Every structure is written in C-alpha cells, then in structure tokens.
Protein backbone atom coordinates (compact mmCIF):
# COMPACT_ATOMS: atom_id res chain seq x y z
CA MET A 1 -22.51 -3.61 9.89
CA THR A 2 -18.92 -2.39 9.52
CA ARG A 3 -18.02 -1.56 5.91
CA ILE A 4 -14.40 -1.81 4.73
CA ALA A 5 -13.24 -0.47 1.36
CA TYR A 6 -10.38 -2.20 -0.46
CA LEU A 7 -8.74 -2.20 -3.89
CA GLY A 8 -10.91 -4.55 -5.93
CA PRO A 9 -12.37 -6.44 -7.57
CA ALA A 10 -12.70 -9.48 -5.32
CA GLY A 11 -9.63 -11.67 -5.32
CA THR A 12 -6.91 -9.06 -4.72
CA PHE A 13 -4.21 -9.30 -2.08
CA THR A 14 -5.75 -6.18 -0.55
CA GLU A 15 -9.02 -8.05 -0.01
CA GLN A 16 -7.05 -10.88 1.60
CA ALA A 17 -5.31 -8.37 3.88
CA ALA A 18 -8.60 -6.67 4.76
CA ARG A 19 -10.00 -9.98 5.94
CA GLN A 20 -7.03 -10.43 8.30
CA PHE A 21 -7.99 -7.46 10.46
CA PRO A 22 -10.15 -8.50 13.45
CA VAL A 23 -13.41 -6.82 12.46
CA ASP A 24 -16.49 -8.93 13.16
CA GLY A 25 -19.35 -9.01 10.70
CA ALA A 26 -17.66 -6.79 8.12
CA GLU A 27 -18.91 -6.06 4.62
CA TYR A 28 -16.05 -5.68 2.13
CA VAL A 29 -16.53 -2.99 -0.51
CA PRO A 30 -14.33 -3.14 -3.66
CA VAL A 31 -13.15 0.17 -5.17
CA ASP A 32 -10.81 1.02 -8.02
CA SER A 33 -7.89 2.73 -6.24
CA PRO A 34 -6.43 3.58 -2.81
CA ALA A 35 -7.62 7.16 -3.33
CA SER A 36 -11.17 5.90 -3.89
CA ALA A 37 -10.98 3.78 -0.74
CA LEU A 38 -9.89 6.78 1.34
CA ALA A 39 -12.44 9.06 -0.31
CA ALA A 40 -15.19 6.59 0.59
CA LEU A 41 -13.92 6.62 4.18
CA ALA A 42 -13.74 10.43 4.37
CA GLY A 43 -17.21 10.69 2.85
CA GLY A 44 -18.77 8.34 5.38
CA GLU A 45 -19.62 5.63 2.84
CA VAL A 46 -17.46 3.08 4.69
CA ASP A 47 -16.04 2.75 8.20
CA TYR A 48 -12.50 1.73 7.23
CA ALA A 49 -10.24 1.51 4.22
CA VAL A 50 -7.44 -1.01 3.67
CA CYS A 51 -4.56 0.00 1.41
CA ALA A 52 -1.18 -1.45 0.46
CA ILE A 53 1.49 0.94 1.70
CA GLU A 54 4.88 -0.72 1.17
CA ASN A 55 6.34 -3.63 -0.74
CA SER A 56 9.67 -5.21 0.17
CA VAL A 57 10.69 -5.43 -3.52
CA ASP A 58 9.33 -2.22 -5.07
CA GLY A 59 9.26 0.06 -2.02
CA ALA A 60 6.49 2.48 -1.08
CA VAL A 61 3.11 2.25 -2.82
CA THR A 62 3.05 5.84 -3.99
CA ALA A 63 -0.67 5.88 -4.84
CA THR A 64 -1.44 5.15 -1.19
CA ALA A 65 1.10 7.65 0.13
CA ASP A 66 -0.26 10.44 -2.05
CA ALA A 67 -3.85 9.60 -1.12
CA LEU A 68 -3.10 9.58 2.62
CA ALA A 69 -1.45 12.99 2.37
CA ALA A 70 -4.38 14.40 0.40
CA THR A 71 -7.30 13.00 2.42
CA PRO A 72 -8.19 15.04 5.52
CA GLY A 73 -9.58 13.52 8.69
CA VAL A 74 -8.20 9.98 8.36
CA GLN A 75 -5.78 8.02 10.54
CA ILE A 76 -3.92 4.71 10.28
CA MET A 77 -5.21 2.33 12.96
CA GLY A 78 -3.28 -0.88 12.29
CA GLU A 79 -1.29 -2.91 9.79
CA THR A 80 -0.77 -6.43 8.54
CA GLU A 81 1.72 -8.10 6.19
CA LEU A 82 1.30 -10.72 3.51
CA ALA A 83 3.92 -12.91 1.89
CA ILE A 84 3.42 -12.28 -1.81
CA ALA A 85 3.51 -14.92 -4.53
CA PHE A 86 1.38 -15.09 -7.64
CA ALA A 87 -0.45 -17.49 -9.91
CA VAL A 88 -0.19 -17.23 -13.69
CA MET A 89 -3.51 -17.80 -15.47
CA THR A 90 -5.16 -17.73 -18.89
CA GLN A 91 -8.50 -18.55 -20.39
CA PRO A 92 -9.00 -22.34 -20.70
CA GLY A 93 -7.15 -23.79 -23.65
CA VAL A 94 -4.72 -20.90 -24.11
CA ALA A 95 -1.01 -21.80 -24.07
CA LEU A 96 1.51 -19.44 -22.48
CA SER A 97 3.68 -19.74 -25.59
CA ARG A 98 0.92 -18.17 -27.70
CA ALA A 99 0.17 -15.28 -25.35
CA THR A 100 1.19 -11.75 -26.33
CA ARG A 101 -0.46 -9.56 -23.64
CA LEU A 102 0.29 -10.00 -19.94
CA ALA A 103 -1.78 -8.02 -17.44
CA THR A 104 -1.05 -7.34 -13.78
CA HIS A 105 -0.66 -4.42 -11.41
CA PRO A 106 2.59 -2.46 -12.04
CA VAL A 107 3.88 -3.24 -8.53
CA ALA A 108 3.24 -6.96 -9.11
CA PHE A 109 5.00 -6.85 -12.48
CA GLN A 110 8.21 -5.73 -10.77
CA GLN A 111 8.02 -8.87 -8.63
CA VAL A 112 7.68 -11.36 -11.52
CA LYS A 113 9.74 -9.81 -14.36
CA GLN A 114 12.42 -12.50 -14.28
CA TRP A 115 9.85 -15.31 -14.37
CA VAL A 116 8.01 -13.65 -17.25
CA GLY A 117 11.26 -13.20 -19.18
CA VAL A 118 11.89 -16.95 -19.02
CA HIS A 119 8.37 -18.38 -19.44
CA ALA A 120 6.55 -15.77 -21.55
CA PRO A 121 9.30 -13.72 -23.22
CA ASP A 122 7.07 -12.46 -26.04
CA ALA A 123 4.30 -11.17 -23.77
CA GLN A 124 3.96 -7.41 -23.54
CA PHE A 125 3.05 -5.93 -20.18
CA VAL A 126 -0.41 -4.35 -19.91
CA PRO A 127 -0.90 -2.46 -16.61
CA ALA A 128 -4.03 -3.28 -14.63
CA ALA A 129 -5.68 -1.35 -11.80
CA SER A 130 -5.22 -4.37 -9.53
CA ASN A 131 -4.09 -7.98 -9.82
CA ALA A 132 -7.66 -9.26 -9.70
CA ALA A 133 -8.61 -6.68 -12.33
CA ALA A 134 -5.93 -8.31 -14.52
CA ALA A 135 -7.72 -11.64 -14.16
CA GLN A 136 -10.97 -9.95 -15.16
CA MET A 137 -9.19 -8.48 -18.21
CA VAL A 138 -8.20 -12.00 -19.29
CA ALA A 139 -11.73 -13.28 -18.74
CA ASP A 140 -13.04 -10.40 -20.88
CA GLY A 141 -10.49 -11.00 -23.66
CA GLN A 142 -8.53 -7.79 -23.04
CA ALA A 143 -5.33 -9.70 -22.16
CA ASP A 144 -3.98 -13.22 -22.62
CA ILE A 145 -2.19 -13.83 -19.30
CA ALA A 146 -2.89 -12.53 -15.81
CA VAL A 147 -0.51 -12.56 -12.88
CA ALA A 148 -2.78 -12.51 -9.83
CA PRO A 149 -3.68 -14.28 -6.58
CA GLU A 150 -4.77 -17.86 -7.24
CA ARG A 151 -8.27 -17.13 -5.91
CA ALA A 152 -8.82 -14.78 -8.87
CA ALA A 153 -8.65 -17.76 -11.24
CA GLU A 154 -11.53 -19.41 -9.38
CA LEU A 155 -13.59 -16.21 -9.42
CA PHE A 156 -13.13 -15.60 -13.16
CA GLY A 157 -13.04 -19.18 -14.47
CA LEU A 158 -9.41 -19.17 -15.60
CA THR A 159 -6.82 -21.93 -15.93
CA VAL A 160 -3.77 -21.73 -13.64
CA HIS A 161 -0.42 -22.55 -15.29
CA ALA A 162 1.90 -21.83 -12.36
CA THR A 163 1.64 -20.95 -8.67
CA GLY A 164 4.06 -19.52 -6.12
CA VAL A 165 5.57 -17.22 -8.75
CA ALA A 166 7.84 -14.51 -7.29
CA ASP A 167 11.34 -13.43 -8.27
CA SER A 168 12.10 -12.87 -4.58
CA GLU A 169 11.12 -15.60 -2.15
CA THR A 170 11.03 -13.05 0.68
CA ALA A 171 8.64 -10.60 -1.03
CA ARG A 172 6.12 -9.12 1.41
CA THR A 173 3.61 -6.31 1.22
CA ARG A 174 2.46 -4.23 4.19
CA PHE A 175 -1.16 -3.09 4.33
CA VAL A 176 -2.71 -0.49 6.62
CA LEU A 177 -6.17 -0.23 8.13
CA VAL A 178 -7.30 3.42 7.95
CA GLY A 179 -10.17 4.92 9.93
CA LYS A 180 -11.52 8.34 10.83
CA GLN A 181 -9.36 10.49 13.08
CA GLY A 182 -9.93 9.71 16.73
CA ALA A 183 -8.32 8.16 19.79
CA LEU A 184 -4.98 6.46 19.14
CA PRO A 185 -4.63 2.71 19.59
CA ALA A 186 -2.94 2.04 22.93
CA PRO A 187 0.87 1.67 22.93
CA THR A 188 2.08 -1.93 22.75
CA GLY A 189 5.84 -1.46 23.03
CA ALA A 190 6.22 -2.47 19.37
CA ASP A 191 4.64 0.44 17.54
CA ARG A 192 5.02 2.59 14.45
CA THR A 193 4.25 6.30 14.04
CA ALA A 194 3.91 7.99 10.64
CA VAL A 195 4.02 11.68 9.73
CA VAL A 196 4.25 13.72 6.55
CA LEU A 197 6.62 16.68 6.80
CA ARG A 198 7.16 19.78 4.74
CA THR A 199 10.19 21.95 5.41
CA PRO A 200 11.10 25.52 4.47
CA ASN A 201 12.86 25.72 1.10
CA GLU A 202 16.24 26.67 2.53
CA PRO A 203 19.61 24.93 3.02
CA GLY A 204 19.74 22.52 5.95
CA ALA A 205 16.01 22.67 6.73
CA LEU A 206 15.44 18.92 6.41
CA VAL A 207 18.61 18.08 8.32
CA GLY A 208 17.51 20.38 11.13
CA VAL A 209 14.17 18.59 11.39
CA LEU A 210 15.69 15.10 11.33
CA LYS A 211 18.19 16.02 14.03
CA GLU A 212 15.28 16.42 16.44
CA PHE A 213 14.58 12.70 16.14
CA ALA A 214 18.25 11.73 16.39
CA ALA A 215 18.85 13.91 19.46
CA ARG A 216 16.17 11.97 21.34
CA GLY A 217 17.14 8.53 20.13
CA VAL A 218 14.00 8.13 18.01
CA ASP A 219 14.74 5.76 15.15
CA MET A 220 13.36 6.38 11.67
CA SER A 221 12.47 3.15 9.91
CA ARG A 222 11.60 4.88 6.61
CA ILE A 223 11.85 8.27 4.92
CA GLU A 224 10.76 9.00 1.37
CA SER A 225 10.08 12.17 -0.59
CA ARG A 226 7.11 12.80 -2.87
CA PRO A 227 6.28 15.86 -4.97
CA THR A 228 3.64 18.10 -3.42
CA ARG A 229 1.99 18.52 -6.85
CA GLU A 230 1.25 22.10 -5.82
CA GLU A 231 4.38 23.89 -7.05
CA PRO A 232 7.29 22.65 -9.17
CA ASN A 233 10.30 21.33 -7.25
CA THR A 234 8.51 21.20 -3.90
CA TYR A 235 8.39 18.01 -1.85
CA GLN A 236 6.90 16.43 1.22
CA PHE A 237 8.62 13.76 3.29
CA PHE A 238 6.94 10.60 4.53
CA VAL A 239 8.60 9.45 7.75
CA ASP A 240 7.98 6.28 9.76
CA LEU A 241 9.23 6.32 13.35
CA VAL A 242 9.87 3.42 15.69
CA GLY A 243 7.63 4.02 18.70
CA HIS A 244 4.26 5.45 19.66
CA ALA A 245 3.26 9.11 19.71
CA GLN A 246 2.53 8.73 23.42
CA ASP A 247 6.10 7.55 24.14
CA PRO A 248 7.85 10.48 25.86
CA ASP A 249 10.80 10.65 23.44
CA VAL A 250 8.59 10.42 20.35
CA ALA A 251 6.13 12.99 21.70
CA ASP A 252 8.95 15.39 22.56
CA ALA A 253 10.55 14.98 19.14
CA LEU A 254 7.27 15.62 17.34
CA ARG A 255 6.72 18.83 19.32
CA ALA A 256 10.21 20.02 18.38
CA VAL A 257 9.67 19.11 14.73
CA GLU A 258 6.44 21.11 14.62
CA ASP A 259 8.48 24.20 15.51
CA LYS A 260 10.96 23.66 12.65
CA ALA A 261 8.88 22.16 9.85
CA SER A 262 6.57 24.29 7.74
CA SER A 263 3.86 21.65 8.25
CA VAL A 264 3.44 18.27 9.98
CA LEU A 265 0.61 15.90 9.04
CA PHE A 266 0.15 13.15 11.64
CA LEU A 267 -0.92 9.86 10.03
CA GLY A 268 -1.20 7.78 13.20
CA SER A 269 0.46 5.48 15.72
CA TRP A 270 -0.30 1.77 15.73
CA ALA A 271 1.11 -1.68 16.51
CA ARG A 272 3.64 -2.99 13.98
CA ALA A 273 2.76 -6.17 12.14
C-alpha cells in the first residue's frame, strides 16, 4: 500500500489536496509539520509527502521551502491547487460574541483577518500547527473559535457558525507531491521546474546567474530569498521556472547557472496544476 504523509490531523486542506493526487489504494499518514512529512519520506516511512508550497494571499509557505532545501534525496513530482475558504466553528452552545481565543494556522489567519475583525473583534489569535489542529484545540478547550475546513467540525463535533469565509474570493493554495529522487515526470508542454540557488557573496553574482535564464528566454514565475541559517546574512534563492528540465532552453540555462552559482539544488520538474 502506498503511504502518503500530510500535515494533520485529519481534516486539513493538505489532506484534501493529498486525496486529489491519482494514487490508488493510498494510506494517508498525518504528521505535525512539512518538515516531518519530508523526514518521513526521506526515512522510508512513507512513499510520498504532500505539502503546501504557496498561497495566493500570503505567498510562499516558508516552512515547506526550508524543509525542501534541507531534506536530501527528495523531488517534487506533481502539484495541485485548492480554492481556499474556511468555516468558523465553536463548541456547541458557545456564541462568537463571547469568544476570546481564536485558533487557526498563521497562514490561514492572514486570509480571514478582515472577517475576524468584524465578527469576532475581541478574539485574540492563537497560532495552531494546522487548521484541523485548531479545531482539535477548540474541542479540547484550548481555544474558543477555530477557523478550519468545514470537515474538521464534523470530525471534532463542533458547531459551524459561518462557511465560505475568506477575505479574498480568489484565494488559492498550491500543494506539491514529493517523492524520492528518481526519473522525472515526462514533459507535458505546461511544466514547472524548481531549483534552489546559492551565489558567491560578491556584487552582481545573482544578476549574473539570472541573466542565464533571460538570455535563453526562460521565464521565471517566482523567485524568493530565504536565510541559509548557516551563517548570518547569507541567503539561498528559490526559483520557479516555466518549462521542463528536459526542454533544451531550460536544460542549457541550468548548465550555465551551475557554472556561476556556488550551488544549485534541483527540486524537480513536473506538470503545472
């Protein structure tokens, strides 16, 4: 049986995304963080991990980015997207007007802050490890309100006060399916390639690397910097490219970048959602 790790507990958007990938007969294994999901994959405890990687409102999911860069021997195999809207829930009999502690994942909180300001202005934000974990916190009495997928209310016996809650009607989150390093998925003509770059600490080093993509007409759909956490004031750059690593222009650009960057970590090529 194929085992897939995801940010749990049951009832998260990540579980919903994991179930969208076409894997027959899968067992879904909840873990407490993207890093734990990837560690379980690297350690052979599961066959795949599913992690949120980017949100259209709050940007990159940094916990996933950092974990991908730090976990050797893994590769992104595919992606899916979910439209994101939340349910607001409490224990039965609790009124929103009396609630003082609101739990949800920090990324989710950024997507509902305006709604909370209007409907529960006195509630203080309590960060949760996941949206479904927020529902569990309410069920256990550790918070008064949870902002979570509606399914979490069913799982934890909570009362739903509102559904479809999202400050942005176009909010979407992109999730990736990560496996062990191996053969690349075949090019589809609508692909994405991801790498993590480090450049020498000298003027113009990053510009010189990025020019290799521009000179070959390879479009970058995303670039973000993250601290290396190894030395102060040192960074690595997460770059998404339009195209597949087997496309001639992309392959040529990556070879040129390897000559200029101090390191290149290849995260995979796969079909865009």
